[in-house]
Amino acid sequence: MKMIALRGRVFPTDLNHAGTVFGGWLMGKMDKAASIAIENIVISPAVTVAVSDMSFIRPVYSGAVFTIYTQVKHIGNTSIKIDVDV
């Protein structure tokens, strides 16, 4: 089931020279949302090992409110796969 993991607002300090959000800034927010999604699944610390696919569909501007959705796709013995959508 897809769940809201994180919401926030974009501020001018989050923008690049073109006036849109840095891709790395957005990826950091997605990583934080994924960590929130698994906090009730694992007890020990967890880290991001890989990002299999990422597409930036449209730019994000200052003042925009973003919502990040997560869905746990697979729980293995030593890994968890999560879909993250903004």
N, C-alpha and C. Protein backbone atom coordinates (compact mmCIF):
# COMPACT_ATOMS: atom_id res chain seq x y z
N MET A 1 0.83 -1.17 0.00
CA MET A 1 0.00 0.00 0.00
C MET A 1 0.89 1.25 0.00
N LYS A 2 0.59 2.19 -0.88
CA LYS A 2 1.35 3.43 -0.99
C LYS A 2 0.95 4.35 0.16
N MET A 3 1.98 4.91 0.84
CA MET A 3 1.71 5.77 1.99
C MET A 3 2.49 7.08 1.87
N ILE A 4 1.95 8.14 2.45
CA ILE A 4 2.68 9.40 2.51
C ILE A 4 3.78 9.25 3.56
N ALA A 5 5.02 9.48 3.16
CA ALA A 5 6.14 9.37 4.09
C ALA A 5 6.70 10.73 4.48
N LEU A 6 6.58 11.72 3.58
CA LEU A 6 7.19 13.02 3.85
C LEU A 6 6.51 14.10 3.02
N ARG A 7 6.30 15.26 3.64
CA ARG A 7 5.78 16.44 2.94
C ARG A 7 6.65 17.62 3.31
N GLY A 8 6.76 18.57 2.41
CA GLY A 8 7.54 19.75 2.71
C GLY A 8 7.34 20.84 1.67
N ARG A 9 8.05 21.95 1.87
CA ARG A 9 7.97 23.09 0.96
C ARG A 9 9.36 23.39 0.43
N VAL A 10 9.43 23.83 -0.81
CA VAL A 10 10.69 24.21 -1.45
C VAL A 10 10.96 25.68 -1.16
N PHE A 11 12.18 25.98 -0.70
CA PHE A 11 12.57 27.35 -0.40
C PHE A 11 13.65 27.82 -1.38
N PRO A 12 13.83 29.12 -1.50
CA PRO A 12 14.82 29.65 -2.46
C PRO A 12 16.24 29.07 -2.27
N THR A 13 16.61 28.71 -1.06
CA THR A 13 17.94 28.14 -0.82
C THR A 13 18.08 26.73 -1.39
N ASP A 14 16.98 26.10 -1.82
CA ASP A 14 17.00 24.76 -2.38
C ASP A 14 17.16 24.76 -3.90
N LEU A 15 17.28 25.94 -4.50
CA LEU A 15 17.25 26.08 -5.96
C LEU A 15 18.64 26.18 -6.58
N ASN A 16 18.72 25.76 -7.83
CA ASN A 16 19.95 25.89 -8.61
C ASN A 16 19.93 27.22 -9.38
N HIS A 17 20.91 27.43 -10.23
CA HIS A 17 21.00 28.68 -10.99
C HIS A 17 19.85 28.89 -11.96
N ALA A 18 19.16 27.82 -12.34
CA ALA A 18 18.02 27.92 -13.27
C ALA A 18 16.71 28.20 -12.54
N GLY A 19 16.75 28.27 -11.21
CA GLY A 19 15.55 28.56 -10.45
C GLY A 19 14.69 27.34 -10.14
N THR A 20 15.26 26.16 -10.31
CA THR A 20 14.54 24.92 -10.00
C THR A 20 15.32 24.15 -8.94
N VAL A 21 14.68 23.17 -8.36
CA VAL A 21 15.29 22.39 -7.28
C VAL A 21 16.48 21.59 -7.79
N PHE A 22 17.55 21.52 -6.99
CA PHE A 22 18.66 20.64 -7.27
C PHE A 22 18.18 19.19 -7.25
N GLY A 23 18.59 18.39 -8.21
CA GLY A 23 18.20 16.98 -8.24
C GLY A 23 18.69 16.23 -7.01
N GLY A 24 19.90 16.56 -6.54
CA GLY A 24 20.44 15.91 -5.36
C GLY A 24 19.67 16.25 -4.10
N TRP A 25 19.14 17.46 -4.04
CA TRP A 25 18.31 17.87 -2.90
C TRP A 25 17.06 17.01 -2.85
N LEU A 26 16.43 16.84 -4.01
CA LEU A 26 15.21 16.03 -4.08
C LEU A 26 15.51 14.57 -3.77
N MET A 27 16.62 14.07 -4.28
CA MET A 27 17.01 12.69 -4.00
C MET A 27 17.25 12.48 -2.50
N GLY A 28 17.83 13.47 -1.83
CA GLY A 28 18.03 13.39 -0.39
C GLY A 28 16.72 13.29 0.36
N LYS A 29 15.72 14.06 -0.08
CA LYS A 29 14.38 13.98 0.54
C LYS A 29 13.75 12.61 0.30
N MET A 30 13.96 12.06 -0.88
CA MET A 30 13.42 10.73 -1.19
C MET A 30 14.09 9.66 -0.32
N ASP A 31 15.39 9.81 -0.08
CA ASP A 31 16.12 8.87 0.77
C ASP A 31 15.61 8.96 2.21
N LYS A 32 15.34 10.16 2.67
CA LYS A 32 14.80 10.35 4.02
C LYS A 32 13.41 9.70 4.12
N ALA A 33 12.58 9.86 3.10
CA ALA A 33 11.25 9.25 3.09
C ALA A 33 11.35 7.73 3.14
N ALA A 34 12.30 7.17 2.41
CA ALA A 34 12.49 5.71 2.43
C ALA A 34 12.89 5.24 3.82
N SER A 35 13.73 6.03 4.51
CA SER A 35 14.15 5.64 5.86
C SER A 35 12.96 5.69 6.83
N ILE A 36 12.06 6.63 6.63
CA ILE A 36 10.86 6.71 7.46
C ILE A 36 9.96 5.50 7.21
N ALA A 37 9.89 5.06 5.94
CA ALA A 37 9.05 3.92 5.59
C ALA A 37 9.49 2.62 6.24
N ILE A 38 10.77 2.49 6.53
CA ILE A 38 11.25 1.22 7.09
C ILE A 38 11.49 1.26 8.59
N GLU A 39 11.28 2.41 9.23
CA GLU A 39 11.63 2.52 10.65
C GLU A 39 10.85 1.57 11.55
N ASN A 40 9.68 1.13 11.14
CA ASN A 40 8.92 0.16 11.94
C ASN A 40 9.18 -1.28 11.52
N ILE A 41 10.03 -1.46 10.51
CA ILE A 41 10.32 -2.82 10.01
C ILE A 41 11.64 -3.32 10.59
N VAL A 42 12.65 -2.46 10.62
CA VAL A 42 13.97 -2.87 11.10
C VAL A 42 14.30 -2.17 12.42
N ILE A 43 15.05 -2.85 13.25
CA ILE A 43 15.45 -2.29 14.54
C ILE A 43 16.84 -1.66 14.44
N SER A 44 17.71 -2.27 13.67
CA SER A 44 19.08 -1.77 13.54
C SER A 44 19.15 -0.69 12.47
N PRO A 45 20.27 0.04 12.41
CA PRO A 45 20.42 1.06 11.37
C PRO A 45 20.35 0.46 9.96
N ALA A 46 19.83 1.24 9.02
CA ALA A 46 19.74 0.80 7.63
C ALA A 46 20.34 1.87 6.74
N VAL A 47 20.87 1.46 5.61
CA VAL A 47 21.46 2.40 4.65
C VAL A 47 20.92 2.13 3.25
N THR A 48 20.97 3.15 2.41
CA THR A 48 20.61 2.97 1.01
C THR A 48 21.80 2.36 0.28
N VAL A 49 21.57 1.23 -0.37
CA VAL A 49 22.63 0.53 -1.08
C VAL A 49 22.60 0.87 -2.56
N ALA A 50 21.41 1.03 -3.13
CA ALA A 50 21.32 1.28 -4.56
C ALA A 50 20.04 2.03 -4.90
N VAL A 51 20.11 2.78 -5.98
CA VAL A 51 18.94 3.41 -6.59
C VAL A 51 18.88 2.84 -8.00
N SER A 52 17.80 2.13 -8.30
CA SER A 52 17.77 1.42 -9.58
C SER A 52 17.30 2.28 -10.74
N ASP A 53 16.47 3.28 -10.47
CA ASP A 53 15.94 4.09 -11.57
C ASP A 53 15.40 5.40 -11.00
N MET A 54 15.69 6.50 -11.69
CA MET A 54 15.15 7.78 -11.27
C MET A 54 14.93 8.64 -12.49
N SER A 55 13.74 9.23 -12.58
CA SER A 55 13.40 10.11 -13.69
C SER A 55 12.82 11.40 -13.15
N PHE A 56 13.35 12.53 -13.63
CA PHE A 56 12.80 13.82 -13.27
C PHE A 56 11.85 14.23 -14.39
N ILE A 57 10.56 14.21 -14.11
CA ILE A 57 9.53 14.45 -15.13
C ILE A 57 9.36 15.93 -15.43
N ARG A 58 9.33 16.76 -14.37
CA ARG A 58 9.15 18.20 -14.55
C ARG A 58 9.90 18.94 -13.44
N PRO A 59 10.24 20.20 -13.68
CA PRO A 59 10.98 20.95 -12.66
C PRO A 59 10.11 21.28 -11.45
N VAL A 60 10.78 21.51 -10.32
CA VAL A 60 10.11 21.91 -9.09
C VAL A 60 10.62 23.31 -8.74
N TYR A 61 9.71 24.23 -8.45
CA TYR A 61 10.05 25.63 -8.23
C TYR A 61 9.90 26.03 -6.77
N SER A 62 10.46 27.18 -6.44
CA SER A 62 10.36 27.73 -5.09
C SER A 62 8.90 27.91 -4.70
N GLY A 63 8.59 27.56 -3.47
CA GLY A 63 7.23 27.69 -2.96
C GLY A 63 6.37 26.46 -3.14
N ALA A 64 6.82 25.54 -3.97
CA ALA A 64 6.03 24.32 -4.21
C ALA A 64 5.98 23.47 -2.95
N VAL A 65 4.85 22.84 -2.73
CA VAL A 65 4.71 21.86 -1.65
C VAL A 65 4.84 20.49 -2.30
N PHE A 66 5.74 19.67 -1.76
CA PHE A 66 5.93 18.34 -2.34
C PHE A 66 5.45 17.28 -1.35
N THR A 67 5.01 16.17 -1.89
CA THR A 67 4.60 15.01 -1.10
C THR A 67 5.34 13.80 -1.65
N ILE A 68 5.95 13.03 -0.76
CA ILE A 68 6.68 11.84 -1.17
C ILE A 68 5.95 10.61 -0.65
N TYR A 69 5.64 9.71 -1.58
CA TYR A 69 4.94 8.47 -1.26
C TYR A 69 5.92 7.30 -1.32
N THR A 70 5.75 6.36 -0.42
CA THR A 70 6.59 5.16 -0.43
C THR A 70 5.70 3.93 -0.38
N GLN A 71 6.24 2.85 -0.94
CA GLN A 71 5.56 1.56 -0.89
C GLN A 71 6.62 0.48 -0.76
N VAL A 72 6.54 -0.31 0.30
CA VAL A 72 7.46 -1.42 0.50
C VAL A 72 7.08 -2.51 -0.48
N LYS A 73 8.01 -2.88 -1.35
CA LYS A 73 7.75 -3.87 -2.40
C LYS A 73 8.21 -5.27 -2.03
N HIS A 74 9.31 -5.35 -1.26
CA HIS A 74 9.87 -6.67 -0.93
C HIS A 74 10.69 -6.57 0.34
N ILE A 75 10.51 -7.54 1.22
CA ILE A 75 11.33 -7.64 2.43
C ILE A 75 12.07 -8.96 2.36
N GLY A 76 13.39 -8.88 2.27
CA GLY A 76 14.23 -10.07 2.24
C GLY A 76 14.93 -10.27 3.57
N ASN A 77 15.91 -11.17 3.60
CA ASN A 77 16.66 -11.42 4.83
C ASN A 77 17.60 -10.27 5.18
N THR A 78 18.18 -9.65 4.17
CA THR A 78 19.12 -8.56 4.42
C THR A 78 18.82 -7.30 3.60
N SER A 79 17.66 -7.24 2.97
CA SER A 79 17.35 -6.07 2.16
C SER A 79 15.85 -5.81 2.12
N ILE A 80 15.54 -4.58 1.83
CA ILE A 80 14.14 -4.15 1.64
C ILE A 80 14.11 -3.31 0.39
N LYS A 81 13.16 -3.59 -0.51
CA LYS A 81 12.99 -2.79 -1.71
C LYS A 81 11.77 -1.89 -1.52
N ILE A 82 11.98 -0.61 -1.83
CA ILE A 82 10.93 0.40 -1.63
C ILE A 82 10.77 1.23 -2.88
N ASP A 83 9.54 1.43 -3.33
CA ASP A 83 9.23 2.38 -4.40
C ASP A 83 9.01 3.73 -3.75
N VAL A 84 9.61 4.76 -4.33
CA VAL A 84 9.47 6.13 -3.81
C VAL A 84 9.02 7.02 -4.96
N ASP A 85 7.91 7.75 -4.76
CA ASP A 85 7.37 8.66 -5.77
C ASP A 85 7.18 10.03 -5.16
N VAL A 86 7.52 11.08 -5.94
CA VAL A 86 7.31 12.45 -5.48
C VAL A 86 6.14 13.02 -6.26
